Amino acid sequence: MPVSHKYQSSGGRLVDQLVSPKIAVYTEQDISGWGETCPFGSAYTEAFAAGARSGALEIAPQLLG
């Protein structure tokens, strides 16, 4: 996801895009909801965005059914 204004983070790191995982949940009762996390990614810590995606993939099978 590109950011509207590039900015400089701590340590002189330039932020020009962010990884922003989005999740939609739909139920058989016609209830739905959305979740999103927009971590700083490599401007914060490289593993943070990947961790958010991995966490969602880990719990998704538990939500099915």
PDB file of N, CA and C in Angstrom:
ATOM      1  N   MET A   1       0.849  -1.163   0.000  1.00  0.00           N
ATOM      2  CA  MET A   1       0.000   0.000   0.000  1.00  0.00           C
ATOM      3  C   MET A   1       0.898   1.231   0.000  1.00  0.00           C
ATOM      4  N   PRO A   2       0.858   2.036  -1.038  1.00  0.00           N
ATOM      5  CA  PRO A   2       1.679   3.251  -1.053  1.00  0.00           C
ATOM      6  C   PRO A   2       1.141   4.260  -0.042  1.00  0.00           C
ATOM      7  N   VAL A   3       2.019   5.027   0.543  1.00  0.00           N
ATOM      8  CA  VAL A   3       1.592   6.091   1.454  1.00  0.00           C
ATOM      9  C   VAL A   3       1.478   7.389   0.665  1.00  0.00           C
ATOM     10  N   SER A   4       0.608   8.277   1.110  1.00  0.00           N
ATOM     11  CA  SER A   4       0.367   9.504   0.345  1.00  0.00           C
ATOM     12  C   SER A   4       1.551  10.465   0.423  1.00  0.00           C
ATOM     13  N   HIS A   5       2.276  10.438   1.524  1.00  0.00           N
ATOM     14  CA  HIS A   5       3.454  11.294   1.679  1.00  0.00           C
ATOM     15  C   HIS A   5       4.595  10.451   2.235  1.00  0.00           C
ATOM     16  N   LYS A   6       5.679  10.374   1.514  1.00  0.00           N
ATOM     17  CA  LYS A   6       6.833   9.649   2.019  1.00  0.00           C
ATOM     18  C   LYS A   6       7.342  10.367   3.262  1.00  0.00           C
ATOM     19  N   TYR A   7       7.812   9.612   4.220  1.00  0.00           N
ATOM     20  CA  TYR A   7       8.357  10.234   5.417  1.00  0.00           C
ATOM     21  C   TYR A   7       9.554   9.447   5.911  1.00  0.00           C
ATOM     22  N   GLN A   8      10.338  10.094   6.718  1.00  0.00           N
ATOM     23  CA  GLN A   8      11.549   9.483   7.243  1.00  0.00           C
ATOM     24  C   GLN A   8      11.286   9.019   8.666  1.00  0.00           C
ATOM     25  N   SER A   9      11.567   7.774   8.914  1.00  0.00           N
ATOM     26  CA  SER A   9      11.390   7.176  10.223  1.00  0.00           C
ATOM     27  C   SER A   9      12.707   7.259  10.994  1.00  0.00           C
ATOM     28  N   SER A  10      12.705   6.718  12.190  1.00  0.00           N
ATOM     29  CA  SER A  10      13.925   6.736  12.996  1.00  0.00           C
ATOM     30  C   SER A  10      15.062   6.030  12.268  1.00  0.00           C
ATOM     31  N   GLY A  11      16.250   6.438  12.519  1.00  0.00           N
ATOM     32  CA  GLY A  11      17.415   5.835  11.881  1.00  0.00           C
ATOM     33  C   GLY A  11      17.553   6.212  10.416  1.00  0.00           C
ATOM     34  N   GLY A  12      16.800   7.213   9.966  1.00  0.00           N
ATOM     35  CA  GLY A  12      16.902   7.664   8.581  1.00  0.00           C
ATOM     36  C   GLY A  12      16.217   6.782   7.566  1.00  0.00           C
ATOM     37  N   ARG A  13      15.373   5.859   8.033  1.00  0.00           N
ATOM     38  CA  ARG A  13      14.671   4.953   7.113  1.00  0.00           C
ATOM     39  C   ARG A  13      13.536   5.689   6.416  1.00  0.00           C
ATOM     40  N   LEU A  14      13.466   5.571   5.099  1.00  0.00           N
ATOM     41  CA  LEU A  14      12.427   6.216   4.309  1.00  0.00           C
ATOM     42  C   LEU A  14      11.242   5.265   4.154  1.00  0.00           C
ATOM     43  N   VAL A  15      10.052   5.748   4.467  1.00  0.00           N
ATOM     44  CA  VAL A  15       8.837   4.952   4.348  1.00  0.00           C
ATOM     45  C   VAL A  15       8.056   5.471   3.148  1.00  0.00           C
ATOM     46  N   ASP A  16       7.862   4.605   2.134  1.00  0.00           N
ATOM     47  CA  ASP A  16       7.083   5.006   0.966  1.00  0.00           C
ATOM     48  C   ASP A  16       5.958   4.023   0.650  1.00  0.00           C
ATOM     49  N   GLN A  17       5.908   2.909   1.368  1.00  0.00           N
ATOM     50  CA  GLN A  17       4.806   1.967   1.231  1.00  0.00           C
ATOM     51  C   GLN A  17       4.749   1.092   2.469  1.00  0.00           C
ATOM     52  N   LEU A  18       3.578   0.533   2.742  1.00  0.00           N
ATOM     53  CA  LEU A  18       3.363  -0.318   3.906  1.00  0.00           C
ATOM     54  C   LEU A  18       2.590  -1.557   3.481  1.00  0.00           C
ATOM     55  N   VAL A  19       2.837  -2.666   4.141  1.00  0.00           N
ATOM     56  CA  VAL A  19       2.050  -3.878   3.936  1.00  0.00           C
ATOM     57  C   VAL A  19       0.854  -3.778   4.880  1.00  0.00           C
ATOM     58  N   SER A  20      -0.343  -3.972   4.359  1.00  0.00           N
ATOM     59  CA  SER A  20      -1.549  -3.797   5.162  1.00  0.00           C
ATOM     60  C   SER A  20      -2.501  -4.977   4.956  1.00  0.00           C
ATOM     61  N   PRO A  21      -2.308  -6.075   5.712  1.00  0.00           N
ATOM     62  CA  PRO A  21      -3.207  -7.227   5.555  1.00  0.00           C
ATOM     63  C   PRO A  21      -4.636  -6.862   5.954  1.00  0.00           C
ATOM     64  N   LYS A  22      -5.596  -7.311   5.155  1.00  0.00           N
ATOM     65  CA  LYS A  22      -7.022  -7.116   5.442  1.00  0.00           C
ATOM     66  C   LYS A  22      -7.700  -8.480   5.448  1.00  0.00           C
ATOM     67  N   ILE A  23      -8.615  -8.681   6.374  1.00  0.00           N
ATOM     68  CA  ILE A  23      -9.307  -9.960   6.502  1.00  0.00           C
ATOM     69  C   ILE A  23     -10.805  -9.700   6.569  1.00  0.00           C
ATOM     70  N   ALA A  24     -11.564 -10.459   5.796  1.00  0.00           N
ATOM     71  CA  ALA A  24     -13.024 -10.402   5.858  1.00  0.00           C
ATOM     72  C   ALA A  24     -13.530 -11.728   6.414  1.00  0.00           C
ATOM     73  N   VAL A  25     -14.517 -11.658   7.292  1.00  0.00           N
ATOM     74  CA  VAL A  25     -15.142 -12.850   7.859  1.00  0.00           C
ATOM     75  C   VAL A  25     -16.631 -12.773   7.558  1.00  0.00           C
ATOM     76  N   TYR A  26     -17.171 -13.857   7.002  1.00  0.00           N
ATOM     77  CA  TYR A  26     -18.595 -13.947   6.681  1.00  0.00           C
ATOM     78  C   TYR A  26     -19.160 -15.188   7.368  1.00  0.00           C
ATOM     79  N   THR A  27     -20.348 -15.085   7.950  1.00  0.00           N
ATOM     80  CA  THR A  27     -20.970 -16.227   8.618  1.00  0.00           C
ATOM     81  C   THR A  27     -22.203 -16.685   7.847  1.00  0.00           C
ATOM     82  N   GLU A  28     -22.661 -17.875   8.173  1.00  0.00           N
ATOM     83  CA  GLU A  28     -23.882 -18.401   7.572  1.00  0.00           C
ATOM     84  C   GLU A  28     -25.114 -17.620   8.030  1.00  0.00           C
ATOM     85  N   GLN A  29     -25.007 -16.878   9.106  1.00  0.00           N
ATOM     86  CA  GLN A  29     -26.110 -16.051   9.610  1.00  0.00           C
ATOM     87  C   GLN A  29     -26.103 -14.656   8.970  1.00  0.00           C
ATOM     88  N   ASP A  30     -25.345 -14.504   7.902  1.00  0.00           N
ATOM     89  CA  ASP A  30     -25.249 -13.241   7.160  1.00  0.00           C
ATOM     90  C   ASP A  30     -24.652 -12.111   8.001  1.00  0.00           C
ATOM     91  N   ILE A  31     -23.721 -12.463   8.870  1.00  0.00           N
ATOM     92  CA  ILE A  31     -22.966 -11.479   9.646  1.00  0.00           C
ATOM     93  C   ILE A  31     -21.573 -11.409   9.036  1.00  0.00           C
ATOM     94  N   SER A  32     -21.074 -10.208   8.879  1.00  0.00           N
ATOM     95  CA  SER A  32     -19.728 -10.071   8.317  1.00  0.00           C
ATOM     96  C   SER A  32     -18.947  -9.026   9.097  1.00  0.00           C
ATOM     97  N   GLY A  33     -17.662  -9.103   8.963  1.00  0.00           N
ATOM     98  CA  GLY A  33     -16.789  -8.133   9.614  1.00  0.00           C
ATOM     99  C   GLY A  33     -15.439  -8.093   8.928  1.00  0.00           C
ATOM    100  N   TRP A  34     -14.755  -6.985   9.118  1.00  0.00           N
ATOM    101  CA  TRP A  34     -13.448  -6.781   8.516  1.00  0.00           C
ATOM    102  C   TRP A  34     -12.431  -6.459   9.596  1.00  0.00           C
ATOM    103  N   GLY A  35     -11.201  -6.881   9.359  1.00  0.00           N
ATOM    104  CA  GLY A  35     -10.094  -6.522  10.224  1.00  0.00           C
ATOM    105  C   GLY A  35      -8.909  -6.105   9.376  1.00  0.00           C
ATOM    106  N   GLU A  36      -8.090  -5.237   9.902  1.00  0.00           N
ATOM    107  CA  GLU A  36      -6.923  -4.757   9.175  1.00  0.00           C
ATOM    108  C   GLU A  36      -5.832  -4.414  10.179  1.00  0.00           C
ATOM    109  N   THR A  37      -4.623  -4.622   9.769  1.00  0.00           N
ATOM    110  CA  THR A  37      -3.491  -4.120  10.528  1.00  0.00           C
ATOM    111  C   THR A  37      -2.551  -3.447   9.542  1.00  0.00           C
ATOM    112  N   CYS A  38      -2.046  -2.328   9.894  1.00  0.00           N
ATOM    113  CA  CYS A  38      -1.149  -1.602   9.003  1.00  0.00           C
ATOM    114  C   CYS A  38       0.156  -1.309   9.748  1.00  0.00           C
ATOM    115  N   PRO A  39       0.983  -2.326   9.919  1.00  0.00           N
ATOM    116  CA  PRO A  39       2.245  -2.121  10.622  1.00  0.00           C
ATOM    117  C   PRO A  39       3.232  -1.334   9.770  1.00  0.00           C
ATOM    118  N   PHE A  40       4.230  -0.775  10.403  1.00  0.00           N
ATOM    119  CA  PHE A  40       5.241  -0.017   9.686  1.00  0.00           C
ATOM    120  C   PHE A  40       6.146  -0.895   8.840  1.00  0.00           C
ATOM    121  N   GLY A  41       6.034  -2.204   8.966  1.00  0.00           N
ATOM    122  CA  GLY A  41       6.877  -3.086   8.168  1.00  0.00           C
ATOM    123  C   GLY A  41       8.346  -2.859   8.438  1.00  0.00           C
ATOM    124  N   SER A  42       9.124  -2.745   7.386  1.00  0.00           N
ATOM    125  CA  SER A  42      10.577  -2.636   7.565  1.00  0.00           C
ATOM    126  C   SER A  42      10.982  -1.321   8.226  1.00  0.00           C
ATOM    127  N   ALA A  43      10.084  -0.325   8.260  1.00  0.00           N
ATOM    128  CA  ALA A  43      10.405   0.906   8.970  1.00  0.00           C
ATOM    129  C   ALA A  43      10.315   0.691  10.479  1.00  0.00           C
ATOM    130  N   TYR A  44       9.612  -0.337  10.882  1.00  0.00           N
ATOM    131  CA  TYR A  44       9.496  -0.670  12.309  1.00  0.00           C
ATOM    132  C   TYR A  44      10.366  -1.890  12.591  1.00  0.00           C
ATOM    133  N   THR A  45       9.947  -3.027  12.089  1.00  0.00           N
ATOM    134  CA  THR A  45      10.733  -4.247  12.119  1.00  0.00           C
ATOM    135  C   THR A  45      10.253  -5.126  10.973  1.00  0.00           C
ATOM    136  N   GLU A  46      11.161  -5.688  10.223  1.00  0.00           N
ATOM    137  CA  GLU A  46      10.805  -6.435   9.010  1.00  0.00           C
ATOM    138  C   GLU A  46       9.833  -7.568   9.268  1.00  0.00           C
ATOM    139  N   ALA A  47       9.927  -8.214  10.425  1.00  0.00           N
ATOM    140  CA  ALA A  47       9.100  -9.384  10.690  1.00  0.00           C
ATOM    141  C   ALA A  47       7.680  -9.033  11.118  1.00  0.00           C
ATOM    142  N   PHE A  48       7.394  -7.780  11.437  1.00  0.00           N
ATOM    143  CA  PHE A  48       6.088  -7.440  11.996  1.00  0.00           C
ATOM    144  C   PHE A  48       4.947  -7.686  11.013  1.00  0.00           C
ATOM    145  N   ALA A  49       5.058  -7.186   9.789  1.00  0.00           N
ATOM    146  CA  ALA A  49       3.994  -7.390   8.800  1.00  0.00           C
ATOM    147  C   ALA A  49       3.835  -8.868   8.469  1.00  0.00           C
ATOM    148  N   ALA A  50       4.928  -9.567   8.321  1.00  0.00           N
ATOM    149  CA  ALA A  50       4.855 -11.000   8.029  1.00  0.00           C
ATOM    150  C   ALA A  50       4.224 -11.748   9.196  1.00  0.00           C
ATOM    151  N   GLY A  51       4.479 -11.303  10.409  1.00  0.00           N
ATOM    152  CA  GLY A  51       3.887 -11.928  11.592  1.00  0.00           C
ATOM    153  C   GLY A  51       2.380 -11.764  11.630  1.00  0.00           C
ATOM    154  N   ALA A  52       1.893 -10.605  11.211  1.00  0.00           N
ATOM    155  CA  ALA A  52       0.441 -10.377  11.175  1.00  0.00           C
ATOM    156  C   ALA A  52      -0.217 -11.327  10.180  1.00  0.00           C
ATOM    157  N   ARG A  53       0.376 -11.488   9.014  1.00  0.00           N
ATOM    158  CA  ARG A  53      -0.173 -12.416   8.011  1.00  0.00           C
ATOM    159  C   ARG A  53      -0.097 -13.852   8.509  1.00  0.00           C
ATOM    160  N   SER A  54       1.015 -14.211   9.098  1.00  0.00           N
ATOM    161  CA  SER A  54       1.179 -15.584   9.594  1.00  0.00           C
ATOM    162  C   SER A  54       0.171 -15.897  10.692  1.00  0.00           C
ATOM    163  N   GLY A  55      -0.068 -14.931  11.558  1.00  0.00           N
ATOM    164  CA  GLY A  55      -1.052 -15.132  12.628  1.00  0.00           C
ATOM    165  C   GLY A  55      -2.443 -15.365  12.076  1.00  0.00           C
ATOM    166  N   ALA A  56      -2.822 -14.597  11.072  1.00  0.00           N
ATOM    167  CA  ALA A  56      -4.138 -14.763  10.455  1.00  0.00           C
ATOM    168  C   ALA A  56      -4.252 -16.137   9.798  1.00  0.00           C
ATOM    169  N   LEU A  57      -3.218 -16.573   9.119  1.00  0.00           N
ATOM    170  CA  LEU A  57      -3.240 -17.894   8.487  1.00  0.00           C
ATOM    171  C   LEU A  57      -3.300 -19.008   9.524  1.00  0.00           C
ATOM    172  N   GLU A  58      -2.711 -18.781  10.675  1.00  0.00           N
ATOM    173  CA  GLU A  58      -2.722 -19.790  11.746  1.00  0.00           C
ATOM    174  C   GLU A  58      -4.106 -19.948  12.355  1.00  0.00           C
ATOM    175  N   ILE A  59      -4.831 -18.849  12.564  1.00  0.00           N
ATOM    176  CA  ILE A  59      -6.139 -18.964  13.220  1.00  0.00           C
ATOM    177  C   ILE A  59      -7.284 -19.202  12.248  1.00  0.00           C
ATOM    178  N   ALA A  60      -7.093 -18.940  10.972  1.00  0.00           N
ATOM    179  CA  ALA A  60      -8.182 -19.093   9.991  1.00  0.00           C
ATOM    180  C   ALA A  60      -8.823 -20.478  10.023  1.00  0.00           C
ATOM    181  N   PRO A  61      -8.062 -21.573  10.050  1.00  0.00           N
ATOM    182  CA  PRO A  61      -8.703 -22.890  10.072  1.00  0.00           C
ATOM    183  C   PRO A  61      -9.576 -23.113  11.309  1.00  0.00           C
ATOM    184  N   GLN A  62      -9.262 -22.449  12.410  1.00  0.00           N
ATOM    185  CA  GLN A  62     -10.040 -22.598  13.636  1.00  0.00           C
ATOM    186  C   GLN A  62     -11.398 -21.879  13.533  1.00  0.00           C
ATOM    187  N   LEU A  63     -11.484 -20.890  12.639  1.00  0.00           N
ATOM    188  CA  LEU A  63     -12.709 -20.134  12.479  1.00  0.00           C
ATOM    189  C   LEU A  63     -13.690 -20.794  11.521  1.00  0.00           C
ATOM    190  N   LEU A  64     -13.183 -21.661  10.660  1.00  0.00           N
ATOM    191  CA  LEU A  64     -14.041 -22.302   9.660  1.00  0.00           C
ATOM    192  C   LEU A  64     -14.929 -23.342  10.320  1.00  0.00           C
ATOM    193  N   GLY A  65     -16.195 -23.344   9.935  1.00  0.00           N
ATOM    194  CA  GLY A  65     -17.135 -24.324  10.474  1.00  0.00           C
ATOM    195  C   GLY A  65     -17.727 -23.863  11.773  1.00  0.00           C
TER     196      GLY A  65
END
